[in-house]
């Protein structure tokens, strides 16, 4: 529950529990920063998302079709 409160209100867990550090965590600079924080994404995850977003709509469709073929073959 405490971690959910910290995440929702951007409060530093160590400050809330132990009284150490700054009250608030640093706010994310971009939506991608927030996604990485919420879903615990590493740098490779981040790069994959960045490159996917840069792709044209058609290229994204081709990639999704390819992935769906791989998934359906299992």
C-alpha atoms as a PDB file:
ATOM      1  CA  UNK A   1       0.000   0.000   0.000  1.00  0.00           C
ATOM      2  CA  UNK A   2       2.844   2.367   0.842  1.00  0.00           C
ATOM      3  CA  UNK A   3       4.473   1.830  -2.539  1.00  0.00           C
ATOM      4  CA  UNK A   4       1.174   2.557  -4.268  1.00  0.00           C
ATOM      5  CA  UNK A   5       0.890   5.827  -2.348  1.00  0.00           C
ATOM      6  CA  UNK A   6       4.449   6.751  -3.288  1.00  0.00           C
ATOM      7  CA  UNK A   7       3.819   5.952  -6.937  1.00  0.00           C
ATOM      8  CA  UNK A   8       0.508   7.824  -7.073  1.00  0.00           C
ATOM      9  CA  UNK A   9       1.742  10.979  -5.355  1.00  0.00           C
ATOM     10  CA  UNK A  10       5.397  10.814  -6.451  1.00  0.00           C
ATOM     11  CA  UNK A  11       6.565  10.610  -2.829  1.00  0.00           C
ATOM     12  CA  UNK A  12      10.019   9.235  -2.059  1.00  0.00           C
ATOM     13  CA  UNK A  13       9.579   5.824  -0.345  1.00  0.00           C
ATOM     14  CA  UNK A  14      12.662   6.289   1.880  1.00  0.00           C
ATOM     15  CA  UNK A  15      11.391   9.666   3.036  1.00  0.00           C
ATOM     16  CA  UNK A  16       7.937   8.318   3.878  1.00  0.00           C
ATOM     17  CA  UNK A  17       9.133   5.187   5.665  1.00  0.00           C
ATOM     18  CA  UNK A  18      12.490   6.214   7.148  1.00  0.00           C
ATOM     19  CA  UNK A  19      12.420  10.016   7.061  1.00  0.00           C
ATOM     20  CA  UNK A  20      15.489  10.056   4.789  1.00  0.00           C
ATOM     21  CA  UNK A  21      16.089  11.968   1.573  1.00  0.00           C
ATOM     22  CA  UNK A  22      13.823  14.361  -0.264  1.00  0.00           C
ATOM     23  CA  UNK A  23      10.055  14.279   0.243  1.00  0.00           C
ATOM     24  CA  UNK A  24       9.223  13.975  -3.442  1.00  0.00           C
ATOM     25  CA  UNK A  25      10.813  11.859  -6.132  1.00  0.00           C
ATOM     26  CA  UNK A  26      12.047  13.580  -9.280  1.00  0.00           C
ATOM     27  CA  UNK A  27       9.233  13.937 -11.789  1.00  0.00           C
ATOM     28  CA  UNK A  28       9.682  12.187 -15.126  1.00  0.00           C
ATOM     29  CA  UNK A  29      10.627  14.484 -17.993  1.00  0.00           C
ATOM     30  CA  UNK A  30       8.720  12.544 -20.673  1.00  0.00           C
ATOM     31  CA  UNK A  31       5.912  10.047 -21.002  1.00  0.00           C
ATOM     32  CA  UNK A  32       8.551   7.463 -21.878  1.00  0.00           C
ATOM     33  CA  UNK A  33      10.368   8.209 -18.611  1.00  0.00           C
ATOM     34  CA  UNK A  34       7.105   7.559 -16.765  1.00  0.00           C
ATOM     35  CA  UNK A  35       6.504   4.288 -18.643  1.00  0.00           C
ATOM     36  CA  UNK A  36      10.012   3.119 -17.814  1.00  0.00           C
ATOM     37  CA  UNK A  37       9.513   3.949 -14.147  1.00  0.00           C
ATOM     38  CA  UNK A  38       6.053   2.392 -13.802  1.00  0.00           C
ATOM     39  CA  UNK A  39       6.896  -0.806 -15.702  1.00  0.00           C
ATOM     40  CA  UNK A  40      10.524  -1.092 -14.515  1.00  0.00           C
ATOM     41  CA  UNK A  41      11.875  -0.975 -18.085  1.00  0.00           C
ATOM     42  CA  UNK A  42      15.604  -1.105 -18.738  1.00  0.00           C
ATOM     43  CA  UNK A  43      17.582   0.769 -21.408  1.00  0.00           C
ATOM     44  CA  UNK A  44      16.993  -1.904 -24.052  1.00  0.00           C
ATOM     45  CA  UNK A  45      13.228  -1.726 -23.443  1.00  0.00           C
ATOM     46  CA  UNK A  46      13.418   2.054 -23.686  1.00  0.00           C
ATOM     47  CA  UNK A  47      15.358   1.941 -26.955  1.00  0.00           C
ATOM     48  CA  UNK A  48      12.917  -0.573 -28.459  1.00  0.00           C
ATOM     49  CA  UNK A  49       9.988   1.701 -27.641  1.00  0.00           C
ATOM     50  CA  UNK A  50      11.804   4.779 -28.956  1.00  0.00           C
ATOM     51  CA  UNK A  51      12.615   3.090 -32.255  1.00  0.00           C
ATOM     52  CA  UNK A  52       9.124   1.649 -32.614  1.00  0.00           C
ATOM     53  CA  UNK A  53       7.587   5.097 -32.161  1.00  0.00           C
ATOM     54  CA  UNK A  54       9.862   6.502 -34.868  1.00  0.00           C
ATOM     55  CA  UNK A  55       8.668   3.919 -37.406  1.00  0.00           C
ATOM     56  CA  UNK A  56       6.089   4.793 -40.020  1.00  0.00           C
ATOM     57  CA  UNK A  57       2.573   3.494 -39.523  1.00  0.00           C
ATOM     58  CA  UNK A  58       3.126   0.995 -42.338  1.00  0.00           C
ATOM     59  CA  UNK A  59       6.392  -0.259 -40.855  1.00  0.00           C
ATOM     60  CA  UNK A  60       4.721  -0.733 -37.463  1.00  0.00           C
ATOM     61  CA  UNK A  61       1.939  -2.727 -39.139  1.00  0.00           C
ATOM     62  CA  UNK A  62       4.497  -4.987 -40.861  1.00  0.00           C
ATOM     63  CA  UNK A  63       6.332  -5.553 -37.573  1.00  0.00           C
ATOM     64  CA  UNK A  64       3.088  -6.343 -35.720  1.00  0.00           C
ATOM     65  CA  UNK A  65       2.048  -8.782 -38.449  1.00  0.00           C
ATOM     66  CA  UNK A  66       5.423 -10.502 -38.186  1.00  0.00           C
ATOM     67  CA  UNK A  67       5.187 -10.776 -34.404  1.00  0.00           C
ATOM     68  CA  UNK A  68       1.643 -12.123 -34.625  1.00  0.00           C
ATOM     69  CA  UNK A  69       2.827 -14.829 -37.057  1.00  0.00           C
ATOM     70  CA  UNK A  70       5.551 -15.850 -34.608  1.00  0.00           C
ATOM     71  CA  UNK A  71       3.091 -15.964 -31.710  1.00  0.00           C
ATOM     72  CA  UNK A  72       0.488 -17.972 -33.635  1.00  0.00           C
ATOM     73  CA  UNK A  73       3.106 -20.579 -34.649  1.00  0.00           C
ATOM     74  CA  UNK A  74       3.603 -21.625 -31.022  1.00  0.00           C
END
